[in-house]
Structures are given as structure tokens and as C-alpha cells.
């Protein structure tokens, strides 16, 4: 069985990390940090955008800023086709 994370990587997804700074509802002068991490597609980031839409719609702490880091973990040059298989024992 292939894991969902590996399948996404083969489809072009990369690991996306977002640092979200948001204001506390009771103390709007204070900022809190939330770190979000998921496999997503660069440059549109549809999964992150859905999460931020959910945040704005459902949560009370307004978002101050979002910093995004993205890395493809599997690149085309790292995948090679297997030419043969050896069985031991």
C-alpha cells in the first residue's frame, strides 16, 4: 500500500508550512502564532487557501499575517525506473 503523503508527492505536491500570526480576540494588541503544515500545490496553495477561508469564517482571532515556506520533497531526477528485481531466499 502506498501512503497518501507519498502519492501526493508523486502528483507534484510539496510540503507547505505556514506560520500564521493572528490577534487574540480578547486582547487584539497581542499576537499569537499558529504553525500549519500540509502537502499543497505551489503557487496557488489551494489547501492553504481553504484552511485560511475556514479560519476567517469560523474562528474569532483575525489573521494578521501569513508566512509560507514550500519544498518539493521528490523531484523528477530522484525517481528512477526499476529495471529488475532480485529475490533473496
Protein backbone atom coordinates (compact mmCIF):
# COMPACT_ATOMS: atom_id res chain seq x y z
CA UNK A 1 0.00 0.00 0.00
CA UNK A 2 1.19 3.49 -0.85
CA UNK A 3 0.67 6.21 1.73
CA UNK A 4 -1.45 9.23 0.88
CA UNK A 5 1.52 11.56 1.52
CA UNK A 6 3.76 9.68 -0.93
CA UNK A 7 1.02 9.60 -3.57
CA UNK A 8 0.58 13.36 -3.27
CA UNK A 9 4.32 13.91 -3.65
CA UNK A 10 4.31 11.89 -6.88
CA UNK A 11 1.45 14.08 -8.15
CA UNK A 12 3.54 17.24 -7.67
CA UNK A 13 2.54 18.28 -4.18
CA UNK A 14 5.19 19.67 -1.87
CA UNK A 15 5.37 20.13 1.86
CA UNK A 16 3.96 23.54 2.74
CA UNK A 17 4.45 25.19 6.11
CA UNK A 18 2.58 28.36 7.03
CA UNK A 19 3.31 30.50 10.08
CA UNK A 20 0.08 32.32 10.84
CA UNK A 21 0.14 35.32 13.14
CA UNK A 22 -3.28 36.23 14.48
CA UNK A 23 -4.73 38.64 17.00
CA UNK A 24 -6.22 37.31 20.21
CA UNK A 25 -9.97 38.02 20.31
CA UNK A 26 -9.93 39.31 23.92
CA UNK A 27 -6.62 41.20 23.58
CA UNK A 28 -6.32 42.50 19.98
CA UNK A 29 -2.93 44.10 20.66
CA UNK A 30 -1.38 40.68 21.31
CA UNK A 31 -0.33 38.34 18.50
CA UNK A 32 -0.32 34.56 18.71
CA UNK A 33 1.47 32.15 16.36
CA UNK A 34 -0.06 29.07 14.74
CA UNK A 35 2.01 26.74 12.56
CA UNK A 36 0.14 24.83 9.83
CA UNK A 37 1.74 22.09 7.71
CA UNK A 38 0.26 20.06 4.86
CA UNK A 39 1.04 18.87 1.34
CA UNK A 40 -0.05 21.51 -1.15
CA UNK A 41 0.47 22.70 -4.73
CA UNK A 42 2.71 25.66 -5.48
CA UNK A 43 1.99 28.53 -6.37
CA UNK A 44 -1.80 28.54 -5.86
CA UNK A 45 -1.78 26.69 -2.50
CA UNK A 46 -5.43 25.53 -2.70
CA UNK A 47 -5.30 23.57 0.57
CA UNK A 48 -3.86 26.50 2.49
CA UNK A 49 -6.41 28.88 0.95
CA UNK A 50 -9.27 26.57 2.04
CA UNK A 51 -7.83 26.49 5.56
CA UNK A 52 -7.50 30.29 5.70
CA UNK A 53 -11.08 30.68 4.41
CA UNK A 54 -12.23 28.34 7.19
CA UNK A 55 -10.21 30.38 9.70
CA UNK A 56 -11.77 33.70 8.61
CA UNK A 57 -15.27 32.20 8.55
CA UNK A 58 -15.25 30.12 11.76
CA UNK A 59 -12.58 31.41 14.18
CA UNK A 60 -12.62 34.62 16.18
CA UNK A 61 -8.93 35.59 16.02
CA UNK A 62 -8.37 37.77 12.93
CA UNK A 63 -5.31 36.83 10.85
CA UNK A 64 -2.52 39.42 10.98
CA UNK A 65 -0.06 37.82 8.55
CA UNK A 66 0.90 34.52 6.92
CA UNK A 67 4.45 33.42 6.04
CA UNK A 68 4.68 30.42 3.70
CA UNK A 69 7.57 28.00 3.05
CA UNK A 70 7.27 25.29 0.40
CA UNK A 71 9.54 22.45 -0.69
CA UNK A 72 9.07 19.63 -3.15
CA UNK A 73 10.39 16.55 -1.42
CA UNK A 74 10.50 14.34 -4.51
CA UNK A 75 11.92 15.77 -7.70
CA UNK A 76 11.79 14.09 -11.13
CA UNK A 77 15.53 13.42 -11.13
CA UNK A 78 15.23 11.43 -7.89
CA UNK A 79 12.85 8.83 -9.30
CA UNK A 80 14.30 6.06 -11.43
CA UNK A 81 12.51 3.23 -13.09
CA UNK A 82 13.38 -0.21 -11.74
CA UNK A 83 14.97 -2.40 -14.43
CA UNK A 84 14.87 -5.63 -12.50
CA UNK A 85 14.07 -7.26 -9.19
CA UNK A 86 16.18 -9.63 -7.14
CA UNK A 87 14.67 -12.02 -4.62
CA UNK A 88 16.84 -13.36 -1.80
CA UNK A 89 15.93 -16.59 -0.05
